[in-house]
């Protein structure tokens, strides 16, 4: 079974936005955003995803990526 990979770090870098700036814009703690950025989460609320997309002016597909398992 494949997995979903978060590419939040890449989108933040493209937008030149720091973790602190995104945290303030989204209303999510630095710690939780850091876990998202490093992929150490198992779920994300749609409301959080909406807020991140609004703050970064992006689509969910810019942040979430499906990765197949190597056979």
N, C-alpha and C. Protein backbone atom coordinates (compact mmCIF):
# COMPACT_ATOMS: atom_id res chain seq x y z
N UNK A 1 0.84 -1.18 0.00
CA UNK A 1 0.00 0.00 0.00
C UNK A 1 0.89 1.24 0.00
N UNK A 2 0.52 2.21 -0.78
CA UNK A 2 1.28 3.46 -0.87
C UNK A 2 1.05 4.34 0.34
N UNK A 3 1.52 5.57 0.25
CA UNK A 3 1.36 6.50 1.37
C UNK A 3 1.18 7.92 0.83
N UNK A 4 0.62 8.76 1.68
CA UNK A 4 0.47 10.18 1.39
C UNK A 4 1.67 10.91 1.99
N UNK A 5 2.33 11.72 1.19
CA UNK A 5 3.50 12.47 1.63
C UNK A 5 3.14 13.95 1.64
N UNK A 6 3.47 14.63 2.73
CA UNK A 6 3.23 16.07 2.83
C UNK A 6 4.43 16.82 2.26
N UNK A 7 4.14 17.75 1.37
CA UNK A 7 5.18 18.57 0.74
C UNK A 7 5.08 20.03 1.21
N UNK A 8 4.67 20.19 2.46
CA UNK A 8 4.49 21.52 3.02
C UNK A 8 5.79 22.32 2.98
N UNK A 9 6.90 21.66 3.28
CA UNK A 9 8.20 22.35 3.28
C UNK A 9 8.52 22.94 1.92
N UNK A 10 8.23 22.22 0.86
CA UNK A 10 8.51 22.68 -0.49
C UNK A 10 7.67 23.91 -0.86
N UNK A 11 6.37 23.85 -0.52
CA UNK A 11 5.48 24.96 -0.83
C UNK A 11 5.85 26.19 -0.01
N UNK A 12 6.19 25.98 1.25
CA UNK A 12 6.62 27.11 2.10
C UNK A 12 7.88 27.75 1.53
N UNK A 13 8.82 26.95 1.07
CA UNK A 13 10.05 27.48 0.51
C UNK A 13 9.77 28.27 -0.77
N UNK A 14 8.87 27.73 -1.61
CA UNK A 14 8.50 28.43 -2.85
C UNK A 14 7.88 29.80 -2.55
N UNK A 15 7.11 29.87 -1.46
CA UNK A 15 6.42 31.11 -1.09
C UNK A 15 7.27 32.00 -0.17
N UNK A 16 8.46 31.49 0.20
CA UNK A 16 9.37 32.20 1.11
C UNK A 16 8.66 32.56 2.43
N UNK A 17 7.94 31.58 2.97
CA UNK A 17 7.21 31.78 4.22
C UNK A 17 7.82 30.92 5.32
N UNK A 18 8.08 31.53 6.45
CA UNK A 18 8.67 30.80 7.57
C UNK A 18 7.58 30.04 8.33
N UNK A 19 8.02 29.11 9.15
CA UNK A 19 7.11 28.33 9.98
C UNK A 19 6.34 29.26 10.92
N UNK A 20 7.03 30.25 11.47
CA UNK A 20 6.40 31.20 12.38
C UNK A 20 5.31 32.01 11.66
N UNK A 21 5.61 32.49 10.47
CA UNK A 21 4.63 33.25 9.69
C UNK A 21 3.40 32.41 9.36
N UNK A 22 3.64 31.16 8.94
CA UNK A 22 2.52 30.28 8.60
C UNK A 22 1.71 29.95 9.85
N UNK A 23 2.38 29.72 10.94
CA UNK A 23 1.70 29.43 12.21
C UNK A 23 0.77 30.56 12.60
N UNK A 24 1.24 31.78 12.49
CA UNK A 24 0.42 32.95 12.83
C UNK A 24 -0.75 33.11 11.86
N UNK A 25 -0.52 32.85 10.58
CA UNK A 25 -1.57 33.01 9.58
C UNK A 25 -2.66 31.94 9.70
N UNK A 26 -2.26 30.75 10.08
CA UNK A 26 -3.17 29.61 10.11
C UNK A 26 -3.81 29.42 11.50
N UNK A 27 -3.11 29.84 12.54
CA UNK A 27 -3.63 29.62 13.89
C UNK A 27 -3.35 28.23 14.42
N UNK A 28 -2.26 27.64 13.95
CA UNK A 28 -1.82 26.32 14.40
C UNK A 28 -0.44 26.50 15.02
N UNK A 29 -0.16 25.78 16.08
CA UNK A 29 1.12 25.95 16.79
C UNK A 29 2.31 25.59 15.90
N UNK A 30 3.45 26.18 16.22
CA UNK A 30 4.70 25.87 15.51
C UNK A 30 5.01 24.38 15.59
N UNK A 31 4.76 23.78 16.77
CA UNK A 31 5.06 22.36 16.97
C UNK A 31 4.23 21.50 16.02
N UNK A 32 2.93 21.79 15.93
CA UNK A 32 2.08 20.99 15.04
C UNK A 32 2.42 21.20 13.57
N UNK A 33 2.72 22.44 13.20
CA UNK A 33 3.12 22.69 11.81
C UNK A 33 4.46 22.03 11.49
N UNK A 34 5.35 22.02 12.45
CA UNK A 34 6.65 21.37 12.26
C UNK A 34 6.46 19.87 12.02
N UNK A 35 5.54 19.26 12.76
CA UNK A 35 5.24 17.83 12.56
C UNK A 35 4.67 17.60 11.16
N UNK A 36 3.82 18.51 10.70
CA UNK A 36 3.27 18.40 9.35
C UNK A 36 4.38 18.53 8.32
N UNK A 37 5.25 19.50 8.55
CA UNK A 37 6.33 19.79 7.61
C UNK A 37 7.27 18.59 7.46
N UNK A 38 7.49 17.87 8.56
CA UNK A 38 8.40 16.72 8.52
C UNK A 38 7.68 15.41 8.25
N UNK A 39 6.34 15.47 8.09
CA UNK A 39 5.57 14.27 7.77
C UNK A 39 5.32 13.35 8.94
N UNK A 40 5.43 13.86 10.15
CA UNK A 40 5.26 13.04 11.34
C UNK A 40 3.84 13.12 11.90
N UNK A 41 2.87 13.16 11.01
CA UNK A 41 1.46 13.16 11.42
C UNK A 41 0.75 12.06 10.65
N UNK A 42 -0.38 11.62 11.17
CA UNK A 42 -1.14 10.57 10.48
C UNK A 42 -2.47 11.10 9.95
N UNK A 43 -2.83 12.33 10.33
CA UNK A 43 -4.10 12.91 9.88
C UNK A 43 -3.99 14.42 9.88
N UNK A 44 -4.87 15.05 9.08
CA UNK A 44 -4.94 16.51 9.05
C UNK A 44 -6.41 16.88 8.88
N UNK A 45 -6.84 17.85 9.64
CA UNK A 45 -8.23 18.32 9.52
C UNK A 45 -8.38 19.12 8.25
N UNK A 46 -9.56 18.97 7.62
CA UNK A 46 -9.82 19.75 6.43
C UNK A 46 -9.76 21.24 6.72
N UNK A 47 -10.23 21.66 7.89
CA UNK A 47 -10.20 23.09 8.22
C UNK A 47 -8.76 23.61 8.29
N UNK A 48 -7.85 22.78 8.78
CA UNK A 48 -6.43 23.15 8.82
C UNK A 48 -5.86 23.21 7.41
N UNK A 49 -6.23 22.23 6.59
CA UNK A 49 -5.76 22.20 5.21
C UNK A 49 -6.26 23.43 4.44
N UNK A 50 -7.51 23.80 4.66
CA UNK A 50 -8.08 24.99 4.02
C UNK A 50 -7.30 26.23 4.44
N UNK A 51 -7.03 26.36 5.74
CA UNK A 51 -6.30 27.53 6.24
C UNK A 51 -4.89 27.59 5.67
N UNK A 52 -4.22 26.45 5.56
CA UNK A 52 -2.87 26.41 4.99
C UNK A 52 -2.91 26.81 3.52
N UNK A 53 -3.88 26.27 2.78
CA UNK A 53 -4.00 26.61 1.36
C UNK A 53 -4.28 28.09 1.16
N UNK A 54 -5.11 28.67 2.03
CA UNK A 54 -5.39 30.11 1.92
C UNK A 54 -4.13 30.92 2.22
N UNK A 55 -3.40 30.54 3.26
CA UNK A 55 -2.20 31.29 3.66
C UNK A 55 -1.10 31.19 2.61
N UNK A 56 -0.98 30.02 1.97
CA UNK A 56 0.09 29.81 0.99
C UNK A 56 -0.38 30.02 -0.45
N UNK A 57 -1.66 30.35 -0.63
CA UNK A 57 -2.23 30.55 -1.96
C UNK A 57 -1.91 29.35 -2.86
N UNK A 58 -2.33 28.17 -2.41
CA UNK A 58 -2.06 26.95 -3.16
C UNK A 58 -3.26 26.02 -3.12
N UNK A 59 -3.15 24.90 -3.78
CA UNK A 59 -4.17 23.87 -3.81
C UNK A 59 -3.73 22.71 -2.91
N UNK A 60 -4.68 21.91 -2.39
CA UNK A 60 -4.30 20.76 -1.57
C UNK A 60 -3.31 19.83 -2.27
N UNK A 61 -3.46 19.68 -3.58
CA UNK A 61 -2.55 18.83 -4.34
C UNK A 61 -1.12 19.34 -4.40
N UNK A 62 -0.92 20.62 -4.07
CA UNK A 62 0.44 21.16 -4.00
C UNK A 62 1.14 20.69 -2.73
N UNK A 63 0.34 20.34 -1.72
CA UNK A 63 0.86 19.97 -0.41
C UNK A 63 0.86 18.45 -0.20
N UNK A 64 -0.16 17.79 -0.73
CA UNK A 64 -0.32 16.35 -0.55
C UNK A 64 0.06 15.60 -1.82
N UNK A 65 0.81 14.52 -1.64
CA UNK A 65 1.26 13.74 -2.79
C UNK A 65 1.13 12.26 -2.46
N UNK A 66 0.64 11.47 -3.40
CA UNK A 66 0.53 10.03 -3.22
C UNK A 66 1.79 9.36 -3.75
N UNK A 67 2.38 8.49 -2.94
CA UNK A 67 3.61 7.79 -3.31
C UNK A 67 3.35 6.29 -3.26
N UNK A 68 3.52 5.63 -4.38
CA UNK A 68 3.34 4.18 -4.43
C UNK A 68 4.52 3.48 -3.77
N UNK A 69 4.24 2.31 -3.23
CA UNK A 69 5.32 1.46 -2.70
C UNK A 69 6.13 0.91 -3.86
N UNK A 70 7.41 0.79 -3.65
CA UNK A 70 8.27 0.17 -4.66
C UNK A 70 8.02 -1.34 -4.62
N UNK A 71 7.84 -1.91 -5.80
CA UNK A 71 7.60 -3.36 -5.87
C UNK A 71 8.87 -4.11 -6.07
